[in-house]
Amino acid sequence: MLVKQAAGFIKSEDFPVEAVEPGITRQILGYDSELMMVRVCFTKGAIGYVHKHVHRQVSFVEKGSFEVEIDGEKKVLKAGDGYFIPPNILHGAVALEDAVLIDVFTPCREDFLKP
């Protein structure tokens, strides 16, 4: 059962950072059953491997640049750019420099939450 986060302010130092892949960390910044926001930090060359999921995702490049692949098409995105992923569309990213994504998912990525 998904535990609902209480309403309130989000201060990043109050939320843990976890290593998820070599060169990639994830910090869940807020969620309930319908929505989740996550900061994902990449070191240069780190790979967010091509994958798909049932969630809608919108992502904002906070810092750095990425080569992003969506449904077989690749583009370079830099700070200030973003992208949208409908459910079940293959996508992935490679950090071209140290970089940060802000990912928002609906519904919540329960698989990101520890039991």
PDB file of N, CA and C in Angstrom:
ATOM      1  N   MET A   1       0.841  -1.184   0.000  1.00  0.00           N
ATOM      2  CA  MET A   1       0.000   0.000   0.000  1.00  0.00           C
ATOM      3  C   MET A   1       0.883   1.243   0.000  1.00  0.00           C
ATOM      4  N   LEU A   2       0.576   2.167  -0.869  1.00  0.00           N
ATOM      5  CA  LEU A   2       1.343   3.398  -0.989  1.00  0.00           C
ATOM      6  C   LEU A   2       1.034   4.334   0.176  1.00  0.00           C
ATOM      7  N   VAL A   3       2.084   4.795   0.852  1.00  0.00           N
ATOM      8  CA  VAL A   3       1.922   5.766   1.930  1.00  0.00           C
ATOM      9  C   VAL A   3       1.892   7.144   1.302  1.00  0.00           C
ATOM     10  N   LYS A   4       0.894   7.923   1.656  1.00  0.00           N
ATOM     11  CA  LYS A   4       0.748   9.259   1.102  1.00  0.00           C
ATOM     12  C   LYS A   4       1.666  10.220   1.850  1.00  0.00           C
ATOM     13  N   GLN A   5       2.381  11.049   1.104  1.00  0.00           N
ATOM     14  CA  GLN A   5       3.241  12.061   1.710  1.00  0.00           C
ATOM     15  C   GLN A   5       2.363  13.208   2.202  1.00  0.00           C
ATOM     16  N   ALA A   6       2.676  13.733   3.356  1.00  0.00           N
ATOM     17  CA  ALA A   6       1.914  14.860   3.893  1.00  0.00           C
ATOM     18  C   ALA A   6       2.152  16.108   3.051  1.00  0.00           C
ATOM     19  N   ALA A   7       1.128  16.948   2.951  1.00  0.00           N
ATOM     20  CA  ALA A   7       1.275  18.220   2.241  1.00  0.00           C
ATOM     21  C   ALA A   7       2.309  19.071   2.956  1.00  0.00           C
ATOM     22  N   GLY A   8       3.048  19.859   2.219  1.00  0.00           N
ATOM     23  CA  GLY A   8       4.024  20.732   2.851  1.00  0.00           C
ATOM     24  C   GLY A   8       5.118  21.163   1.906  1.00  0.00           C
ATOM     25  N   PHE A   9       6.071  21.838   2.470  1.00  0.00           N
ATOM     26  CA  PHE A   9       7.189  22.369   1.708  1.00  0.00           C
ATOM     27  C   PHE A   9       8.221  21.271   1.451  1.00  0.00           C
ATOM     28  N   ILE A  10       8.977  21.441   0.381  1.00  0.00           N
ATOM     29  CA  ILE A  10       9.996  20.464   0.019  1.00  0.00           C
ATOM     30  C   ILE A  10      11.362  21.131   0.123  1.00  0.00           C
ATOM     31  N   LYS A  11      12.178  20.657   1.064  1.00  0.00           N
ATOM     32  CA  LYS A  11      13.567  21.109   1.200  1.00  0.00           C
ATOM     33  C   LYS A  11      14.438  19.900   0.893  1.00  0.00           C
ATOM     34  N   SER A  12      15.287  20.025  -0.118  1.00  0.00           N
ATOM     35  CA  SER A  12      16.007  18.844  -0.603  1.00  0.00           C
ATOM     36  C   SER A  12      16.827  18.156   0.490  1.00  0.00           C
ATOM     37  N   GLU A  13      17.341  18.919   1.447  1.00  0.00           N
ATOM     38  CA  GLU A  13      18.155  18.277   2.487  1.00  0.00           C
ATOM     39  C   GLU A  13      17.335  17.346   3.383  1.00  0.00           C
ATOM     40  N   ASP A  14      16.009  17.416   3.295  1.00  0.00           N
ATOM     41  CA  ASP A  14      15.153  16.549   4.092  1.00  0.00           C
ATOM     42  C   ASP A  14      14.844  15.215   3.408  1.00  0.00           C
ATOM     43  N   PHE A  15      15.315  15.034   2.165  1.00  0.00           N
ATOM     44  CA  PHE A  15      14.988  13.842   1.400  1.00  0.00           C
ATOM     45  C   PHE A  15      16.260  13.076   1.054  1.00  0.00           C
ATOM     46  N   PRO A  16      16.266  11.755   1.253  1.00  0.00           N
ATOM     47  CA  PRO A  16      17.478  10.974   0.985  1.00  0.00           C
ATOM     48  C   PRO A  16      17.801  10.890  -0.508  1.00  0.00           C
ATOM     49  N   VAL A  17      19.086  10.722  -0.785  1.00  0.00           N
ATOM     50  CA  VAL A  17      19.581  10.510  -2.146  1.00  0.00           C
ATOM     51  C   VAL A  17      20.054   9.069  -2.217  1.00  0.00           C
ATOM     52  N   GLU A  18      19.630   8.353  -3.266  1.00  0.00           N
ATOM     53  CA  GLU A  18      20.046   6.954  -3.391  1.00  0.00           C
ATOM     54  C   GLU A  18      20.726   6.720  -4.734  1.00  0.00           C
ATOM     55  N   ALA A  19      21.775   5.902  -4.714  1.00  0.00           N
ATOM     56  CA  ALA A  19      22.447   5.503  -5.954  1.00  0.00           C
ATOM     57  C   ALA A  19      21.582   4.449  -6.622  1.00  0.00           C
ATOM     58  N   VAL A  20      21.329   4.631  -7.939  1.00  0.00           N
ATOM     59  CA  VAL A  20      20.465   3.682  -8.639  1.00  0.00           C
ATOM     60  C   VAL A  20      21.169   2.957  -9.788  1.00  0.00           C
ATOM     61  N   GLU A  21      22.168   3.563 -10.369  1.00  0.00           N
ATOM     62  CA  GLU A  21      22.987   2.987 -11.440  1.00  0.00           C
ATOM     63  C   GLU A  21      24.364   3.627 -11.299  1.00  0.00           C
ATOM     64  N   PRO A  22      25.391   3.074 -11.922  1.00  0.00           N
ATOM     65  CA  PRO A  22      26.690   3.746 -11.880  1.00  0.00           C
ATOM     66  C   PRO A  22      26.575   5.178 -12.428  1.00  0.00           C
ATOM     67  N   GLY A  23      26.971   6.150 -11.616  1.00  0.00           N
ATOM     68  CA  GLY A  23      26.951   7.550 -12.020  1.00  0.00           C
ATOM     69  C   GLY A  23      25.597   8.221 -11.956  1.00  0.00           C
ATOM     70  N   ILE A  24      24.591   7.540 -11.378  1.00  0.00           N
ATOM     71  CA  ILE A  24      23.236   8.113 -11.315  1.00  0.00           C
ATOM     72  C   ILE A  24      22.702   8.002  -9.893  1.00  0.00           C
ATOM     73  N   THR A  25      22.209   9.139  -9.377  1.00  0.00           N
ATOM     74  CA  THR A  25      21.519   9.136  -8.090  1.00  0.00           C
ATOM     75  C   THR A  25      20.102   9.657  -8.285  1.00  0.00           C
ATOM     76  N   ARG A  26      19.218   9.238  -7.384  1.00  0.00           N
ATOM     77  CA  ARG A  26      17.803   9.620  -7.449  1.00  0.00           C
ATOM     78  C   ARG A  26      17.378  10.168  -6.094  1.00  0.00           C
ATOM     79  N   GLN A  27      16.622  11.254  -6.130  1.00  0.00           N
ATOM     80  CA  GLN A  27      16.092  11.858  -4.909  1.00  0.00           C
ATOM     81  C   GLN A  27      14.604  12.135  -5.127  1.00  0.00           C
ATOM     82  N   ILE A  28      13.756  11.372  -4.446  1.00  0.00           N
ATOM     83  CA  ILE A  28      12.313  11.587  -4.528  1.00  0.00           C
ATOM     84  C   ILE A  28      11.989  12.827  -3.707  1.00  0.00           C
ATOM     85  N   LEU A  29      11.339  13.793  -4.347  1.00  0.00           N
ATOM     86  CA  LEU A  29      11.093  15.081  -3.688  1.00  0.00           C
ATOM     87  C   LEU A  29       9.640  15.298  -3.279  1.00  0.00           C
ATOM     88  N   GLY A  30       8.733  14.497  -3.758  1.00  0.00           N
ATOM     89  CA  GLY A  30       7.336  14.634  -3.349  1.00  0.00           C
ATOM     90  C   GLY A  30       6.489  13.647  -4.127  1.00  0.00           C
ATOM     91  N   TYR A  31       5.449  13.117  -3.468  1.00  0.00           N
ATOM     92  CA  TYR A  31       4.581  12.163  -4.149  1.00  0.00           C
ATOM     93  C   TYR A  31       3.310  11.917  -3.356  1.00  0.00           C
ATOM     94  N   ASP A  32       2.304  11.462  -4.080  1.00  0.00           N
ATOM     95  CA  ASP A  32       1.155  10.771  -3.526  1.00  0.00           C
ATOM     96  C   ASP A  32       0.812   9.680  -4.536  1.00  0.00           C
ATOM     97  N   SER A  33      -0.333   9.068  -4.457  1.00  0.00           N
ATOM     98  CA  SER A  33      -0.627   7.956  -5.358  1.00  0.00           C
ATOM     99  C   SER A  33      -0.758   8.385  -6.819  1.00  0.00           C
ATOM    100  N   GLU A  34      -1.010   9.658  -7.068  1.00  0.00           N
ATOM    101  CA  GLU A  34      -1.257  10.144  -8.420  1.00  0.00           C
ATOM    102  C   GLU A  34      -0.072  10.839  -9.083  1.00  0.00           C
ATOM    103  N   LEU A  35       0.915  11.276  -8.300  1.00  0.00           N
ATOM    104  CA  LEU A  35       1.965  12.128  -8.846  1.00  0.00           C
ATOM    105  C   LEU A  35       3.261  11.945  -8.069  1.00  0.00           C
ATOM    106  N   MET A  36       4.402  12.035  -8.785  1.00  0.00           N
ATOM    107  CA  MET A  36       5.704  11.950  -8.116  1.00  0.00           C
ATOM    108  C   MET A  36       6.695  12.853  -8.842  1.00  0.00           C
ATOM    109  N   MET A  37       7.509  13.580  -8.049  1.00  0.00           N
ATOM    110  CA  MET A  37       8.592  14.395  -8.596  1.00  0.00           C
ATOM    111  C   MET A  37       9.918  13.863  -8.071  1.00  0.00           C
ATOM    112  N   VAL A  38      10.896  13.734  -8.994  1.00  0.00           N
ATOM    113  CA  VAL A  38      12.179  13.121  -8.662  1.00  0.00           C
ATOM    114  C   VAL A  38      13.304  13.929  -9.298  1.00  0.00           C
ATOM    115  N   ARG A  39      14.373  14.180  -8.535  1.00  0.00           N
ATOM    116  CA  ARG A  39      15.607  14.769  -9.090  1.00  0.00           C
ATOM    117  C   ARG A  39      16.561  13.617  -9.371  1.00  0.00           C
ATOM    118  N   VAL A  40      17.080  13.575 -10.606  1.00  0.00           N
ATOM    119  CA  VAL A  40      18.000  12.515 -10.998  1.00  0.00           C
ATOM    120  C   VAL A  40      19.298  13.178 -11.451  1.00  0.00           C
ATOM    121  N   CYS A  41      20.391  12.876 -10.745  1.00  0.00           N
ATOM    122  CA  CYS A  41      21.700  13.469 -11.045  1.00  0.00           C
ATOM    123  C   CYS A  41      22.570  12.442 -11.764  1.00  0.00           C
ATOM    124  N   PHE A  42      23.206  12.885 -12.855  1.00  0.00           N
ATOM    125  CA  PHE A  42      24.049  12.039 -13.686  1.00  0.00           C
ATOM    126  C   PHE A  42      25.461  12.611 -13.712  1.00  0.00           C
ATOM    127  N   THR A  43      26.467  11.752 -13.640  1.00  0.00           N
ATOM    128  CA  THR A  43      27.822  12.179 -13.945  1.00  0.00           C
ATOM    129  C   THR A  43      28.013  12.036 -15.454  1.00  0.00           C
ATOM    130  N   LYS A  44      28.979  12.754 -15.994  1.00  0.00           N
ATOM    131  CA  LYS A  44      29.247  12.710 -17.430  1.00  0.00           C
ATOM    132  C   LYS A  44      29.406  11.265 -17.896  1.00  0.00           C
ATOM    133  N   GLY A  45      28.681  10.910 -18.961  1.00  0.00           N
ATOM    134  CA  GLY A  45      28.763   9.567 -19.521  1.00  0.00           C
ATOM    135  C   GLY A  45      27.806   8.556 -18.919  1.00  0.00           C
ATOM    136  N   ALA A  46      27.137   8.905 -17.814  1.00  0.00           N
ATOM    137  CA  ALA A  46      26.196   7.968 -17.198  1.00  0.00           C
ATOM    138  C   ALA A  46      25.013   7.734 -18.134  1.00  0.00           C
ATOM    139  N   ILE A  47      24.498   6.514 -18.095  1.00  0.00           N
ATOM    140  CA  ILE A  47      23.456   6.104 -19.032  1.00  0.00           C
ATOM    141  C   ILE A  47      22.176   5.749 -18.292  1.00  0.00           C
ATOM    142  N   GLY A  48      21.097   6.414 -18.669  1.00  0.00           N
ATOM    143  CA  GLY A  48      19.757   5.994 -18.284  1.00  0.00           C
ATOM    144  C   GLY A  48      19.278   5.093 -19.420  1.00  0.00           C
ATOM    145  N   TYR A  49      19.427   3.787 -19.241  1.00  0.00           N
ATOM    146  CA  TYR A  49      19.197   2.837 -20.324  1.00  0.00           C
ATOM    147  C   TYR A  49      17.777   2.933 -20.877  1.00  0.00           C
ATOM    148  N   VAL A  50      17.630   2.622 -22.157  1.00  0.00           N
ATOM    149  CA  VAL A  50      16.328   2.658 -22.818  1.00  0.00           C
ATOM    150  C   VAL A  50      15.392   1.679 -22.106  1.00  0.00           C
ATOM    151  N   HIS A  51      14.214   2.170 -21.760  1.00  0.00           N
ATOM    152  CA  HIS A  51      13.221   1.392 -21.029  1.00  0.00           C
ATOM    153  C   HIS A  51      11.837   1.976 -21.318  1.00  0.00           C
ATOM    154  N   LYS A  52      10.813   1.335 -20.783  1.00  0.00           N
ATOM    155  CA  LYS A  52       9.461   1.881 -20.875  1.00  0.00           C
ATOM    156  C   LYS A  52       8.708   1.519 -19.610  1.00  0.00           C
ATOM    157  N   HIS A  53       7.639   2.241 -19.357  1.00  0.00           N
ATOM    158  CA  HIS A  53       6.796   2.003 -18.185  1.00  0.00           C
ATOM    159  C   HIS A  53       5.397   2.526 -18.475  1.00  0.00           C
ATOM    160  N   VAL A  54       4.460   2.195 -17.619  1.00  0.00           N
ATOM    161  CA  VAL A  54       3.057   2.571 -17.830  1.00  0.00           C
ATOM    162  C   VAL A  54       2.760   4.008 -17.413  1.00  0.00           C
ATOM    163  N   HIS A  55       3.724   4.670 -16.812  1.00  0.00           N
ATOM    164  CA  HIS A  55       3.520   6.031 -16.294  1.00  0.00           C
ATOM    165  C   HIS A  55       3.702   7.075 -17.390  1.00  0.00           C
ATOM    166  N   ARG A  56       2.974   8.178 -17.280  1.00  0.00           N
ATOM    167  CA  ARG A  56       3.280   9.367 -18.078  1.00  0.00           C
ATOM    168  C   ARG A  56       4.444  10.053 -17.379  1.00  0.00           C
ATOM    169  N   GLN A  57       5.345  10.623 -18.159  1.00  0.00           N
ATOM    170  CA  GLN A  57       6.526  11.276 -17.597  1.00  0.00           C
ATOM    171  C   GLN A  57       6.777  12.573 -18.333  1.00  0.00           C
ATOM    172  N   VAL A  58       7.048  13.623 -17.589  1.00  0.00           N
ATOM    173  CA  VAL A  58       7.543  14.860 -18.176  1.00  0.00           C
ATOM    174  C   VAL A  58       8.840  15.174 -17.440  1.00  0.00           C
ATOM    175  N   SER A  59       9.871  15.548 -18.197  1.00  0.00           N
ATOM    176  CA  SER A  59      11.193  15.762 -17.614  1.00  0.00           C
ATOM    177  C   SER A  59      11.735  17.118 -18.038  1.00  0.00           C
ATOM    178  N   PHE A  60      12.451  17.751 -17.109  1.00  0.00           N
ATOM    179  CA  PHE A  60      13.046  19.065 -17.311  1.00  0.00           C
ATOM    180  C   PHE A  60      14.535  18.950 -17.063  1.00  0.00           C
ATOM    181  N   VAL A  61      15.347  19.423 -18.004  1.00  0.00           N
ATOM    182  CA  VAL A  61      16.796  19.420 -17.820  1.00  0.00           C
ATOM    183  C   VAL A  61      17.148  20.630 -16.962  1.00  0.00           C
ATOM    184  N   GLU A  62      17.464  20.370 -15.705  1.00  0.00           N
ATOM    185  CA  GLU A  62      17.797  21.441 -14.757  1.00  0.00           C
ATOM    186  C   GLU A  62      19.206  21.966 -14.999  1.00  0.00           C
ATOM    187  N   LYS A  63      20.131  21.041 -15.331  1.00  0.00           N
ATOM    188  CA  LYS A  63      21.548  21.394 -15.465  1.00  0.00           C
ATOM    189  C   LYS A  63      22.195  20.455 -16.469  1.00  0.00           C
ATOM    190  N   GLY A  64      23.157  20.970 -17.236  1.00  0.00           N
ATOM    191  CA  GLY A  64      23.930  20.124 -18.128  1.00  0.00           C
ATOM    192  C   GLY A  64      23.228  19.844 -19.440  1.00  0.00           C
ATOM    193  N   SER A  65      23.604  18.716 -20.064  1.00  0.00           N
ATOM    194  CA  SER A  65      22.998  18.324 -21.331  1.00  0.00           C
ATOM    195  C   SER A  65      22.963  16.808 -21.447  1.00  0.00           C
ATOM    196  N   PHE A  66      22.020  16.344 -22.249  1.00  0.00           N
ATOM    197  CA  PHE A  66      21.788  14.916 -22.454  1.00  0.00           C
ATOM    198  C   PHE A  66      21.551  14.635 -23.924  1.00  0.00           C
ATOM    199  N   GLU A  67      21.920  13.438 -24.353  1.00  0.00           N
ATOM    200  CA  GLU A  67      21.378  12.896 -25.594  1.00  0.00           C
ATOM    201  C   GLU A  67      20.197  12.037 -25.153  1.00  0.00           C
ATOM    202  N   VAL A  68      19.005  12.449 -25.547  1.00  0.00           N
ATOM    203  CA  VAL A  68      17.781  11.769 -25.142  1.00  0.00           C
ATOM    204  C   VAL A  68      17.233  10.988 -26.334  1.00  0.00           C
ATOM    205  N   GLU A  69      16.837   9.763 -26.087  1.00  0.00           N
ATOM    206  CA  GLU A  69      16.215   8.929 -27.112  1.00  0.00           C
ATOM    207  C   GLU A  69      14.763   8.685 -26.729  1.00  0.00           C
ATOM    208  N   ILE A  70      13.851   8.969 -27.662  1.00  0.00           N
ATOM    209  CA  ILE A  70      12.429   8.710 -27.460  1.00  0.00           C
ATOM    210  C   ILE A  70      11.907   7.979 -28.684  1.00  0.00           C
ATOM    211  N   ASP A  71      11.451   6.745 -28.459  1.00  0.00           N
ATOM    212  CA  ASP A  71      10.846   5.949 -29.530  1.00  0.00           C
ATOM    213  C   ASP A  71      11.760   5.875 -30.756  1.00  0.00           C
ATOM    214  N   GLY A  72      13.069   5.703 -30.515  1.00  0.00           N
ATOM    215  CA  GLY A  72      14.044   5.539 -31.586  1.00  0.00           C
ATOM    216  C   GLY A  72      14.645   6.823 -32.136  1.00  0.00           C
ATOM    217  N   GLU A  73      14.120   7.982 -31.747  1.00  0.00           N
ATOM    218  CA  GLU A  73      14.653   9.270 -32.216  1.00  0.00           C
ATOM    219  C   GLU A  73      15.537   9.881 -31.132  1.00  0.00           C
ATOM    220  N   LYS A  74      16.699  10.414 -31.524  1.00  0.00           N
ATOM    221  CA  LYS A  74      17.640  11.006 -30.571  1.00  0.00           C
ATOM    222  C   LYS A  74      17.787  12.500 -30.824  1.00  0.00           C
ATOM    223  N   LYS A  75      17.852  13.265 -29.722  1.00  0.00           N
ATOM    224  CA  LYS A  75      18.114  14.703 -29.786  1.00  0.00           C
ATOM    225  C   LYS A  75      18.966  15.086 -28.590  1.00  0.00           C
ATOM    226  N   VAL A  76      19.763  16.134 -28.739  1.00  0.00           N
ATOM    227  CA  VAL A  76      20.524  16.684 -27.623  1.00  0.00           C
ATOM    228  C   VAL A  76      19.677  17.773 -26.978  1.00  0.00           C
ATOM    229  N   LEU A  77      19.491  17.655 -25.655  1.00  0.00           N
ATOM    230  CA  LEU A  77      18.746  18.642 -24.878  1.00  0.00           C
ATOM    231  C   LEU A  77      19.676  19.243 -23.845  1.00  0.00           C
ATOM    232  N   LYS A  78      19.516  20.539 -23.591  1.00  0.00           N
ATOM    233  CA  LYS A  78      20.365  21.257 -22.630  1.00  0.00           C
ATOM    234  C   LYS A  78      19.499  21.863 -21.541  1.00  0.00           C
ATOM    235  N   ALA A  79      20.153  22.465 -20.555  1.00  0.00           N
ATOM    236  CA  ALA A  79      19.436  23.093 -19.431  1.00  0.00           C
ATOM    237  C   ALA A  79      18.339  23.992 -19.969  1.00  0.00           C
ATOM    238  N   GLY A  80      17.149  23.842 -19.397  1.00  0.00           N
ATOM    239  CA  GLY A  80      15.988  24.609 -19.816  1.00  0.00           C
ATOM    240  C   GLY A  80      15.079  23.859 -20.773  1.00  0.00           C
ATOM    241  N   ASP A  81      15.580  22.771 -21.386  1.00  0.00           N
ATOM    242  CA  ASP A  81      14.774  21.952 -22.293  1.00  0.00           C
ATOM    243  C   ASP A  81      14.053  20.862 -21.497  1.00  0.00           C
ATOM    244  N   GLY A  82      13.187  20.149 -22.171  1.00  0.00           N
ATOM    245  CA  GLY A  82      12.478  19.057 -21.517  1.00  0.00           C
ATOM    246  C   GLY A  82      11.884  18.112 -22.538  1.00  0.00           C
ATOM    247  N   TYR A  83      11.167  17.106 -22.043  1.00  0.00           N
ATOM    248  CA  TYR A  83      10.505  16.148 -22.911  1.00  0.00           C
ATOM    249  C   TYR A  83       9.345  15.489 -22.189  1.00  0.00           C
ATOM    250  N   PHE A  84       8.420  14.926 -22.988  1.00  0.00           N
ATOM    251  CA  PHE A  84       7.241  14.244 -22.477  1.00  0.00           C
ATOM    252  C   PHE A  84       7.230  12.816 -23.005  1.00  0.00           C
ATOM    253  N   ILE A  85       6.928  11.862 -22.122  1.00  0.00           N
ATOM    254  CA  ILE A  85       6.872  10.453 -22.490  1.00  0.00           C
ATOM    255  C   ILE A  85       5.478   9.908 -22.173  1.00  0.00           C
ATOM    256  N   PRO A  86       4.707   9.532 -23.206  1.00  0.00           N
ATOM    257  CA  PRO A  86       3.435   8.849 -22.941  1.00  0.00           C
ATOM    258  C   PRO A  86       3.697   7.443 -22.386  1.00  0.00           C
ATOM    259  N   PRO A  87       2.675   6.775 -21.874  1.00  0.00           N
ATOM    260  CA  PRO A  87       2.863   5.420 -21.362  1.00  0.00           C
ATOM    261  C   PRO A  87       3.409   4.468 -22.426  1.00  0.00           C
ATOM    262  N   ASN A  88       4.273   3.561 -21.985  1.00  0.00           N
ATOM    263  CA  ASN A  88       4.784   2.445 -22.790  1.00  0.00           C
ATOM    264  C   ASN A  88       5.581   2.858 -24.029  1.00  0.00           C
ATOM    265  N   ILE A  89       6.250   4.017 -23.985  1.00  0.00           N
ATOM    266  CA  ILE A  89       7.114   4.457 -25.075  1.00  0.00           C
ATOM    267  C   ILE A  89       8.567   4.267 -24.629  1.00  0.00           C
ATOM    268  N   LEU A  90       9.368   3.627 -25.465  1.00  0.00           N
ATOM    269  CA  LEU A  90      10.781   3.426 -25.133  1.00  0.00           C
ATOM    270  C   LEU A  90      11.502   4.769 -25.085  1.00  0.00           C
ATOM    271  N   HIS A  91      12.343   4.935 -24.049  1.00  0.00           N
ATOM    272  CA  HIS A  91      13.104   6.172 -23.885  1.00  0.00           C
ATOM    273  C   HIS A  91      14.323   5.922 -23.004  1.00  0.00           C
ATOM    274  N   GLY A  92      15.328   6.802 -23.155  1.00  0.00           N
ATOM    275  CA  GLY A  92      16.541   6.717 -22.360  1.00  0.00           C
ATOM    276  C   GLY A  92      17.354   7.989 -22.553  1.00  0.00           C
ATOM    277  N   ALA A  93      18.432   8.121 -21.798  1.00  0.00           N
ATOM    278  CA  ALA A  93      19.255   9.330 -21.875  1.00  0.00           C
ATOM    279  C   ALA A  93      20.693   9.013 -21.518  1.00  0.00           C
ATOM    280  N   VAL A  94      21.608   9.753 -22.148  1.00  0.00           N
ATOM    281  CA  VAL A  94      23.035   9.675 -21.831  1.00  0.00           C
ATOM    282  C   VAL A  94      23.479  11.082 -21.460  1.00  0.00           C
ATOM    283  N   ALA A  95      24.141  11.224 -20.312  1.00  0.00           N
ATOM    284  CA  ALA A  95      24.634  12.529 -19.873  1.00  0.00           C
ATOM    285  C   ALA A  95      25.881  12.901 -20.668  1.00  0.00           C
ATOM    286  N   LEU A  96      25.829  14.039 -21.348  1.00  0.00           N
ATOM    287  CA  LEU A  96      26.968  14.516 -22.127  1.00  0.00           C
ATOM    288  C   LEU A  96      27.954  15.290 -21.262  1.00  0.00           C
ATOM    289  N   GLU A  97      27.531  15.624 -20.060  1.00  0.00           N
ATOM    290  CA  GLU A  97      28.342  16.288 -19.033  1.00  0.00           C
ATOM    291  C   GLU A  97      27.634  16.010 -17.713  1.00  0.00           C
ATOM    292  N   ASP A  98      28.195  16.426 -16.591  1.00  0.00           N
ATOM    293  CA  ASP A  98      27.465  16.289 -15.333  1.00  0.00           C
ATOM    294  C   ASP A  98      26.139  17.019 -15.516  1.00  0.00           C
ATOM    295  N   ALA A  99      25.027  16.349 -15.179  1.00  0.00           N
ATOM    296  CA  ALA A  99      23.724  16.897 -15.532  1.00  0.00           C
ATOM    297  C   ALA A  99      22.653  16.432 -14.555  1.00  0.00           C
ATOM    298  N   VAL A 100      21.530  17.164 -14.541  1.00  0.00           N
ATOM    299  CA  VAL A 100      20.430  16.885 -13.628  1.00  0.00           C
ATOM    300  C   VAL A 100      19.107  16.959 -14.375  1.00  0.00           C
ATOM    301  N   LEU A 101      18.262  15.943 -14.157  1.00  0.00           N
ATOM    302  CA  LEU A 101      16.890  15.939 -14.660  1.00  0.00           C
ATOM    303  C   LEU A 101      15.920  16.062 -13.500  1.00  0.00           C
ATOM    304  N   ILE A 102      14.830  16.767 -13.714  1.00  0.00           N
ATOM    305  CA  ILE A 102      13.690  16.741 -12.808  1.00  0.00           C
ATOM    306  C   ILE A 102      12.606  15.964 -13.547  1.00  0.00           C
ATOM    307  N   ASP A 103      12.251  14.801 -13.012  1.00  0.00           N
ATOM    308  CA  ASP A 103      11.241  13.933 -13.619  1.00  0.00           C
ATOM    309  C   ASP A 103       9.950  14.014 -12.817  1.00  0.00           C
ATOM    310  N   VAL A 104       8.833  14.089 -13.517  1.00  0.00           N
ATOM    311  CA  VAL A 104       7.518  14.052 -12.886  1.00  0.00           C
ATOM    312  C   VAL A 104       6.743  12.904 -13.528  1.00  0.00           C
ATOM    313  N   PHE A 105       6.157  12.058 -12.691  1.00  0.00           N
ATOM    314  CA  PHE A 105       5.435  10.877 -13.148  1.00  0.00           C
ATOM    315  C   PHE A 105       3.996  10.902 -12.657  1.00  0.00           C
ATOM    316  N   THR A 106       3.109  10.385 -13.491  1.00  0.00           N
ATOM    317  CA  THR A 106       1.747  10.105 -13.062  1.00  0.00           C
ATOM    318  C   THR A 106       1.331   8.769 -13.658  1.00  0.00           C
ATOM    319  N   PRO A 107       0.769   7.848 -12.879  1.00  0.00           N
ATOM    320  CA  PRO A 107       0.705   7.930 -11.429  1.00  0.00           C
ATOM    321  C   PRO A 107       2.090   7.774 -10.806  1.00  0.00           C
ATOM    322  N   CYS A 108       2.120   7.778  -9.510  1.00  0.00           N
ATOM    323  CA  CYS A 108       3.363   7.637  -8.754  1.00  0.00           C
ATOM    324  C   CYS A 108       4.121   6.381  -9.175  1.00  0.00           C
ATOM    325  N   ARG A 109       5.459   6.470  -9.207  1.00  0.00           N
ATOM    326  CA  ARG A 109       6.317   5.308  -9.465  1.00  0.00           C
ATOM    327  C   ARG A 109       6.492   4.550  -8.151  1.00  0.00           C
ATOM    328  N   GLU A 110       5.543   3.691  -7.843  1.00  0.00           N
ATOM    329  CA  GLU A 110       5.621   2.926  -6.606  1.00  0.00           C
ATOM    330  C   GLU A 110       6.884   2.071  -6.542  1.00  0.00           C
ATOM    331  N   ASP A 111       7.409   1.686  -7.720  1.00  0.00           N
ATOM    332  CA  ASP A 111       8.624   0.877  -7.749  1.00  0.00           C
ATOM    333  C   ASP A 111       9.834   1.664  -7.235  1.00  0.00           C
ATOM    334  N   PHE A 112       9.749   2.990  -7.153  1.00  0.00           N
ATOM    335  CA  PHE A 112      10.837   3.801  -6.608  1.00  0.00           C
ATOM    336  C   PHE A 112      10.815   3.847  -5.082  1.00  0.00           C
ATOM    337  N   LEU A 113       9.706   3.465  -4.474  1.00  0.00           N
ATOM    338  CA  LEU A 113       9.543   3.566  -3.023  1.00  0.00           C
ATOM    339  C   LEU A 113       9.998   2.281  -2.352  1.00  0.00           C
ATOM    340  N   LYS A 114      10.703   2.435  -1.263  1.00  0.00           N
ATOM    341  CA  LYS A 114      11.164   1.278  -0.505  1.00  0.00           C
ATOM    342  C   LYS A 114      10.005   0.743   0.333  1.00  0.00           C
ATOM    343  N   PRO A 115       9.897  -0.590   0.460  1.00  0.00           N
ATOM    344  CA  PRO A 115       8.809  -1.169   1.289  1.00  0.00           C
ATOM    345  C   PRO A 115       8.955  -0.837   2.755  1.00  0.00           C
TER     346      PRO A 115
END
